[in-house]
Amino acid sequence: MKVFVALALGGALLASATAEAAQIRFYRINDKGQLFDVRFVPGANDPGCHSFPAARRVHRIAVVGFRHCRLFSERGCKAGTEMTALWKNRPDKASQELTPGSRWYLHATENRKLASFQCEE
């Protein structure tokens, strides 16, 4: 009985740690091509639709712990405004559904305006 309780408790803690680790991160580039974090992203750790207080300029995206995320050019995750990202800057790997990974780009060399995002567990 003690082993079962310990395993159940350990599984619950692992599931909790995994859920807390879920996040989407955004990066911008400067005129020298250096990456910088886009800070103060409301909802970055939570599933669902989240709008930026004002549109942000974004170059690269990392998805961690979510099943997938989508990016939108308008607030409120408005249908029809989904943005396409490139995996590792390869046009043949373009998608509107960003799966876990840290090499999603909105453009090879520029920042692009992003207004909202939606992530699913």
N, C-alpha and C. Protein backbone atom coordinates (compact mmCIF):
# COMPACT_ATOMS: atom_id res chain seq x y z
N MET A 1 0.82 -1.19 0.00
CA MET A 1 0.00 0.00 0.00
C MET A 1 0.87 1.26 0.00
N LYS A 2 1.95 1.25 0.80
CA LYS A 2 2.83 2.42 0.87
C LYS A 2 3.49 2.69 -0.47
N VAL A 3 3.85 1.63 -1.20
CA VAL A 3 4.49 1.80 -2.50
C VAL A 3 3.51 2.43 -3.49
N PHE A 4 2.26 1.96 -3.47
CA PHE A 4 1.23 2.51 -4.36
C PHE A 4 1.01 4.00 -4.09
N VAL A 5 0.90 4.36 -2.83
CA VAL A 5 0.71 5.77 -2.46
C VAL A 5 1.90 6.60 -2.89
N ALA A 6 3.09 6.09 -2.69
CA ALA A 6 4.30 6.81 -3.08
C ALA A 6 4.35 7.00 -4.59
N LEU A 7 4.01 5.96 -5.36
CA LEU A 7 4.00 6.06 -6.81
C LEU A 7 2.93 7.04 -7.29
N ALA A 8 1.75 6.97 -6.68
CA ALA A 8 0.67 7.88 -7.06
C ALA A 8 1.05 9.32 -6.74
N LEU A 9 1.63 9.55 -5.59
CA LEU A 9 2.06 10.88 -5.19
C LEU A 9 3.18 11.38 -6.11
N GLY A 10 4.13 10.51 -6.41
CA GLY A 10 5.23 10.87 -7.30
C GLY A 10 4.72 11.23 -8.69
N GLY A 11 3.74 10.45 -9.19
CA GLY A 11 3.15 10.75 -10.49
C GLY A 11 2.43 12.07 -10.49
N ALA A 12 1.71 12.37 -9.42
CA ALA A 12 1.01 13.66 -9.32
C ALA A 12 2.00 14.81 -9.28
N LEU A 13 3.09 14.65 -8.56
CA LEU A 13 4.11 15.71 -8.51
C LEU A 13 4.75 15.91 -9.87
N LEU A 14 5.03 14.81 -10.58
CA LEU A 14 5.62 14.91 -11.91
C LEU A 14 4.67 15.61 -12.86
N ALA A 15 3.39 15.24 -12.84
CA ALA A 15 2.39 15.89 -13.69
C ALA A 15 2.30 17.38 -13.37
N SER A 16 2.34 17.72 -12.09
CA SER A 16 2.29 19.11 -11.67
C SER A 16 3.50 19.88 -12.17
N ALA A 17 4.67 19.28 -12.04
CA ALA A 17 5.90 19.94 -12.50
C ALA A 17 5.88 20.13 -14.00
N THR A 18 5.37 19.14 -14.74
CA THR A 18 5.29 19.26 -16.19
C THR A 18 4.34 20.37 -16.59
N ALA A 19 3.17 20.45 -15.93
CA ALA A 19 2.20 21.49 -16.25
C ALA A 19 2.77 22.87 -15.95
N GLU A 20 3.50 23.01 -14.85
CA GLU A 20 4.08 24.31 -14.50
C GLU A 20 5.18 24.70 -15.48
N ALA A 21 5.83 23.73 -16.11
CA ALA A 21 6.94 24.02 -17.01
C ALA A 21 6.46 24.49 -18.38
N ALA A 22 5.18 24.30 -18.70
CA ALA A 22 4.67 24.70 -20.01
C ALA A 22 4.77 26.22 -20.17
N GLN A 23 5.29 26.63 -21.32
CA GLN A 23 5.37 28.06 -21.61
C GLN A 23 5.68 28.29 -23.07
N ILE A 24 5.37 29.48 -23.52
CA ILE A 24 5.78 29.92 -24.84
C ILE A 24 6.67 31.13 -24.61
N ARG A 25 7.80 31.15 -25.30
CA ARG A 25 8.76 32.26 -25.16
C ARG A 25 8.90 32.96 -26.51
N PHE A 26 9.08 34.26 -26.45
CA PHE A 26 9.21 35.07 -27.65
C PHE A 26 10.54 35.82 -27.61
N TYR A 27 11.14 35.97 -28.78
CA TYR A 27 12.43 36.66 -28.90
C TYR A 27 12.35 37.64 -30.06
N ARG A 28 13.05 38.74 -29.91
CA ARG A 28 13.18 39.72 -30.99
C ARG A 28 14.66 39.84 -31.33
N ILE A 29 14.95 40.42 -32.46
CA ILE A 29 16.35 40.65 -32.83
C ILE A 29 16.59 42.15 -32.96
N ASN A 30 17.83 42.55 -32.65
CA ASN A 30 18.18 43.96 -32.81
C ASN A 30 18.85 44.16 -34.17
N ASP A 31 19.33 45.37 -34.43
CA ASP A 31 19.93 45.66 -35.73
C ASP A 31 21.26 44.94 -35.95
N LYS A 32 21.81 44.32 -34.91
CA LYS A 32 23.04 43.52 -35.04
C LYS A 32 22.74 42.02 -35.15
N GLY A 33 21.46 41.67 -35.19
CA GLY A 33 21.06 40.28 -35.31
C GLY A 33 21.11 39.50 -34.00
N GLN A 34 21.21 40.19 -32.86
CA GLN A 34 21.26 39.53 -31.56
C GLN A 34 19.85 39.31 -31.03
N LEU A 35 19.63 38.13 -30.43
CA LEU A 35 18.32 37.79 -29.86
C LEU A 35 18.14 38.36 -28.46
N PHE A 36 16.93 38.85 -28.17
CA PHE A 36 16.57 39.34 -26.85
C PHE A 36 15.20 38.80 -26.48
N ASP A 37 15.00 38.48 -25.20
CA ASP A 37 13.69 38.03 -24.72
C ASP A 37 12.67 39.14 -24.87
N VAL A 38 11.46 38.77 -25.25
CA VAL A 38 10.33 39.68 -25.14
C VAL A 38 9.78 39.41 -23.75
N ARG A 39 9.88 40.38 -22.88
CA ARG A 39 9.52 40.19 -21.47
C ARG A 39 8.08 40.60 -21.19
N PHE A 40 7.62 40.19 -20.01
CA PHE A 40 6.28 40.53 -19.53
C PHE A 40 5.21 40.09 -20.53
N VAL A 41 5.16 38.78 -20.76
CA VAL A 41 4.18 38.19 -21.67
C VAL A 41 3.03 37.61 -20.84
N PRO A 42 1.89 38.29 -20.78
CA PRO A 42 0.78 37.77 -20.00
C PRO A 42 0.27 36.45 -20.57
N GLY A 43 0.12 35.44 -19.70
CA GLY A 43 -0.40 34.15 -20.12
C GLY A 43 0.59 33.21 -20.76
N ALA A 44 1.86 33.53 -20.74
CA ALA A 44 2.86 32.69 -21.40
C ALA A 44 2.93 31.27 -20.83
N ASN A 45 2.50 31.08 -19.60
CA ASN A 45 2.55 29.76 -18.96
C ASN A 45 1.19 29.08 -18.94
N ASP A 46 0.17 29.70 -19.49
CA ASP A 46 -1.19 29.19 -19.38
C ASP A 46 -1.77 28.83 -20.75
N PRO A 47 -2.53 27.73 -20.81
CA PRO A 47 -3.21 27.41 -22.07
C PRO A 47 -4.31 28.42 -22.35
N GLY A 48 -4.74 28.47 -23.60
CA GLY A 48 -5.83 29.37 -23.99
C GLY A 48 -5.32 30.53 -24.82
N CYS A 49 -6.23 31.47 -25.09
CA CYS A 49 -5.91 32.64 -25.90
C CYS A 49 -5.46 33.78 -25.01
N HIS A 50 -4.39 34.44 -25.41
CA HIS A 50 -3.86 35.58 -24.66
C HIS A 50 -3.44 36.67 -25.64
N SER A 51 -3.84 37.89 -25.33
CA SER A 51 -3.48 39.04 -26.17
C SER A 51 -2.41 39.86 -25.46
N PHE A 52 -1.49 40.39 -26.24
CA PHE A 52 -0.51 41.33 -25.69
C PHE A 52 -1.22 42.65 -25.42
N PRO A 53 -0.80 43.41 -24.40
CA PRO A 53 -1.42 44.72 -24.16
C PRO A 53 -1.28 45.63 -25.39
N ALA A 54 -0.18 45.50 -26.10
CA ALA A 54 0.05 46.18 -27.37
C ALA A 54 0.83 45.20 -28.24
N ALA A 55 0.67 45.30 -29.55
CA ALA A 55 1.35 44.38 -30.46
C ALA A 55 2.85 44.38 -30.17
N ARG A 56 3.45 43.21 -30.21
CA ARG A 56 4.90 43.06 -29.98
C ARG A 56 5.57 42.66 -31.27
N ARG A 57 6.81 43.06 -31.41
CA ARG A 57 7.60 42.66 -32.57
C ARG A 57 8.40 41.43 -32.17
N VAL A 58 8.23 40.36 -32.94
CA VAL A 58 8.80 39.05 -32.59
C VAL A 58 9.53 38.47 -33.79
N HIS A 59 10.64 37.80 -33.51
CA HIS A 59 11.43 37.13 -34.54
C HIS A 59 11.38 35.62 -34.40
N ARG A 60 11.61 35.13 -33.18
CA ARG A 60 11.73 33.70 -32.93
C ARG A 60 10.83 33.29 -31.77
N ILE A 61 10.35 32.04 -31.81
CA ILE A 61 9.44 31.55 -30.78
C ILE A 61 9.90 30.18 -30.30
N ALA A 62 9.74 29.94 -29.00
CA ALA A 62 10.02 28.62 -28.42
C ALA A 62 8.74 28.15 -27.72
N VAL A 63 8.35 26.92 -28.00
CA VAL A 63 7.18 26.30 -27.37
C VAL A 63 7.69 25.17 -26.48
N VAL A 64 7.36 25.22 -25.19
CA VAL A 64 7.83 24.22 -24.24
C VAL A 64 6.63 23.69 -23.44
N GLY A 65 6.39 22.40 -23.50
CA GLY A 65 5.38 21.78 -22.66
C GLY A 65 3.94 21.85 -23.15
N PHE A 66 3.64 22.66 -24.14
CA PHE A 66 2.31 22.69 -24.73
C PHE A 66 2.26 21.71 -25.90
N ARG A 67 1.06 21.22 -26.22
CA ARG A 67 0.91 20.34 -27.38
C ARG A 67 1.20 21.14 -28.66
N HIS A 68 0.63 22.34 -28.74
CA HIS A 68 0.92 23.25 -29.85
C HIS A 68 0.42 24.65 -29.50
N CYS A 69 0.93 25.63 -30.24
CA CYS A 69 0.50 27.02 -30.08
C CYS A 69 0.26 27.61 -31.47
N ARG A 70 -0.58 28.62 -31.51
CA ARG A 70 -0.84 29.38 -32.74
C ARG A 70 -0.60 30.85 -32.46
N LEU A 71 -0.18 31.58 -33.46
CA LEU A 71 0.10 33.01 -33.35
C LEU A 71 -0.88 33.78 -34.22
N PHE A 72 -1.24 35.00 -33.78
CA PHE A 72 -2.25 35.79 -34.49
C PHE A 72 -1.77 37.23 -34.65
N SER A 73 -2.12 37.82 -35.78
CA SER A 73 -1.74 39.21 -36.05
C SER A 73 -2.73 40.19 -35.43
N GLU A 74 -3.88 39.69 -34.93
CA GLU A 74 -4.86 40.55 -34.27
C GLU A 74 -5.15 40.05 -32.87
N ARG A 75 -5.57 40.96 -32.01
CA ARG A 75 -5.89 40.62 -30.61
C ARG A 75 -7.09 39.67 -30.56
N GLY A 76 -7.15 38.88 -29.49
CA GLY A 76 -8.28 37.99 -29.30
C GLY A 76 -8.23 36.70 -30.10
N CYS A 77 -7.08 36.39 -30.68
CA CYS A 77 -6.90 35.16 -31.46
C CYS A 77 -7.98 35.04 -32.53
N LYS A 78 -8.22 36.13 -33.22
CA LYS A 78 -9.27 36.22 -34.22
C LYS A 78 -9.03 35.25 -35.38
N ALA A 79 -10.04 34.43 -35.69
CA ALA A 79 -9.94 33.49 -36.81
C ALA A 79 -9.63 34.24 -38.10
N GLY A 80 -8.78 33.66 -38.90
CA GLY A 80 -8.38 34.28 -40.16
C GLY A 80 -7.15 35.16 -40.05
N THR A 81 -6.64 35.36 -38.82
CA THR A 81 -5.43 36.19 -38.66
C THR A 81 -4.24 35.35 -38.18
N GLU A 82 -4.34 34.03 -38.34
CA GLU A 82 -3.25 33.14 -37.93
C GLU A 82 -1.99 33.48 -38.72
N MET A 83 -0.86 33.40 -38.05
CA MET A 83 0.43 33.68 -38.69
C MET A 83 1.16 32.37 -38.94
N THR A 84 1.91 32.33 -40.01
CA THR A 84 2.70 31.15 -40.35
C THR A 84 4.12 31.34 -39.86
N ALA A 85 4.67 30.31 -39.23
CA ALA A 85 6.06 30.34 -38.77
C ALA A 85 6.84 29.26 -39.52
N LEU A 86 8.14 29.46 -39.58
CA LEU A 86 9.03 28.52 -40.25
C LEU A 86 9.86 27.78 -39.21
N TRP A 87 9.94 26.46 -39.34
CA TRP A 87 10.79 25.68 -38.44
C TRP A 87 12.22 25.75 -38.97
N LYS A 88 13.13 26.22 -38.15
CA LYS A 88 14.55 26.35 -38.50
C LYS A 88 14.76 27.20 -39.75
N ASN A 89 13.86 28.16 -39.97
CA ASN A 89 13.96 29.07 -41.13
C ASN A 89 13.83 28.36 -42.47
N ARG A 90 13.19 27.20 -42.51
CA ARG A 90 13.04 26.45 -43.76
C ARG A 90 11.63 26.64 -44.30
N PRO A 91 11.50 27.24 -45.48
CA PRO A 91 10.17 27.47 -46.06
C PRO A 91 9.36 26.18 -46.24
N ASP A 92 10.03 25.05 -46.43
CA ASP A 92 9.32 23.78 -46.61
C ASP A 92 8.78 23.23 -45.29
N LYS A 93 9.12 23.86 -44.17
CA LYS A 93 8.65 23.45 -42.85
C LYS A 93 7.75 24.53 -42.23
N ALA A 94 6.94 25.18 -43.03
CA ALA A 94 6.06 26.25 -42.55
C ALA A 94 4.81 25.66 -41.91
N SER A 95 4.33 26.30 -40.85
CA SER A 95 3.13 25.82 -40.16
C SER A 95 2.48 26.94 -39.37
N GLN A 96 1.17 26.85 -39.21
CA GLN A 96 0.45 27.76 -38.32
C GLN A 96 0.27 27.13 -36.95
N GLU A 97 0.63 25.87 -36.83
CA GLU A 97 0.54 25.15 -35.56
C GLU A 97 1.95 24.84 -35.08
N LEU A 98 2.41 25.60 -34.10
CA LEU A 98 3.78 25.46 -33.61
C LEU A 98 3.83 24.37 -32.54
N THR A 99 4.55 23.31 -32.83
CA THR A 99 4.72 22.21 -31.90
C THR A 99 5.94 22.49 -31.02
N PRO A 100 6.15 21.71 -29.96
CA PRO A 100 7.27 22.00 -29.06
C PRO A 100 8.62 22.06 -29.80
N GLY A 101 9.38 23.06 -29.43
CA GLY A 101 10.70 23.29 -30.00
C GLY A 101 11.06 24.75 -29.88
N SER A 102 12.32 25.05 -30.11
CA SER A 102 12.79 26.43 -29.91
C SER A 102 13.26 27.10 -31.19
N ARG A 103 12.94 26.51 -32.33
CA ARG A 103 13.47 27.08 -33.57
C ARG A 103 12.37 27.48 -34.55
N TRP A 104 11.33 28.10 -34.04
CA TRP A 104 10.26 28.65 -34.88
C TRP A 104 10.57 30.11 -35.17
N TYR A 105 10.49 30.52 -36.42
CA TYR A 105 10.79 31.89 -36.84
C TYR A 105 9.60 32.46 -37.59
N LEU A 106 9.30 33.74 -37.35
CA LEU A 106 8.27 34.42 -38.13
C LEU A 106 8.85 34.96 -39.42
N HIS A 107 10.13 35.24 -39.42
CA HIS A 107 10.83 35.72 -40.61
C HIS A 107 12.32 35.43 -40.43
N ALA A 108 13.02 35.21 -41.51
CA ALA A 108 14.43 34.85 -41.42
C ALA A 108 15.30 35.93 -40.79
N THR A 109 15.01 37.20 -41.08
CA THR A 109 15.91 38.26 -40.62
C THR A 109 15.22 39.45 -39.97
N GLU A 110 13.91 39.42 -39.83
CA GLU A 110 13.18 40.58 -39.31
C GLU A 110 12.25 40.20 -38.16
N ASN A 111 11.87 41.20 -37.37
CA ASN A 111 10.81 41.05 -36.37
C ASN A 111 9.48 41.27 -37.08
N ARG A 112 8.44 40.58 -36.62
CA ARG A 112 7.10 40.75 -37.17
C ARG A 112 6.13 41.06 -36.04
N LYS A 113 5.10 41.85 -36.33
CA LYS A 113 4.12 42.22 -35.31
C LYS A 113 3.24 41.02 -34.96
N LEU A 114 3.09 40.81 -33.66
CA LEU A 114 2.29 39.72 -33.11
C LEU A 114 1.35 40.33 -32.08
N ALA A 115 0.05 40.01 -32.17
CA ALA A 115 -0.92 40.62 -31.25
C ALA A 115 -1.46 39.65 -30.22
N SER A 116 -1.54 38.34 -30.55
CA SER A 116 -2.06 37.36 -29.58
C SER A 116 -1.55 35.97 -29.93
N PHE A 117 -1.75 35.05 -28.98
CA PHE A 117 -1.32 33.66 -29.18
C PHE A 117 -2.27 32.75 -28.41
N GLN A 118 -2.34 31.51 -28.88
CA GLN A 118 -3.20 30.52 -28.24
C GLN A 118 -2.43 29.21 -28.13
N CYS A 119 -2.35 28.67 -26.92
CA CYS A 119 -1.64 27.41 -26.69
C CYS A 119 -2.60 26.37 -26.11
N GLU A 120 -2.37 25.12 -26.48
CA GLU A 120 -3.19 24.00 -26.04
C GLU A 120 -2.32 22.99 -25.31
N GLU A 121 -2.87 22.42 -24.24
CA GLU A 121 -2.15 21.39 -23.48
C GLU A 121 -2.28 20.05 -24.17
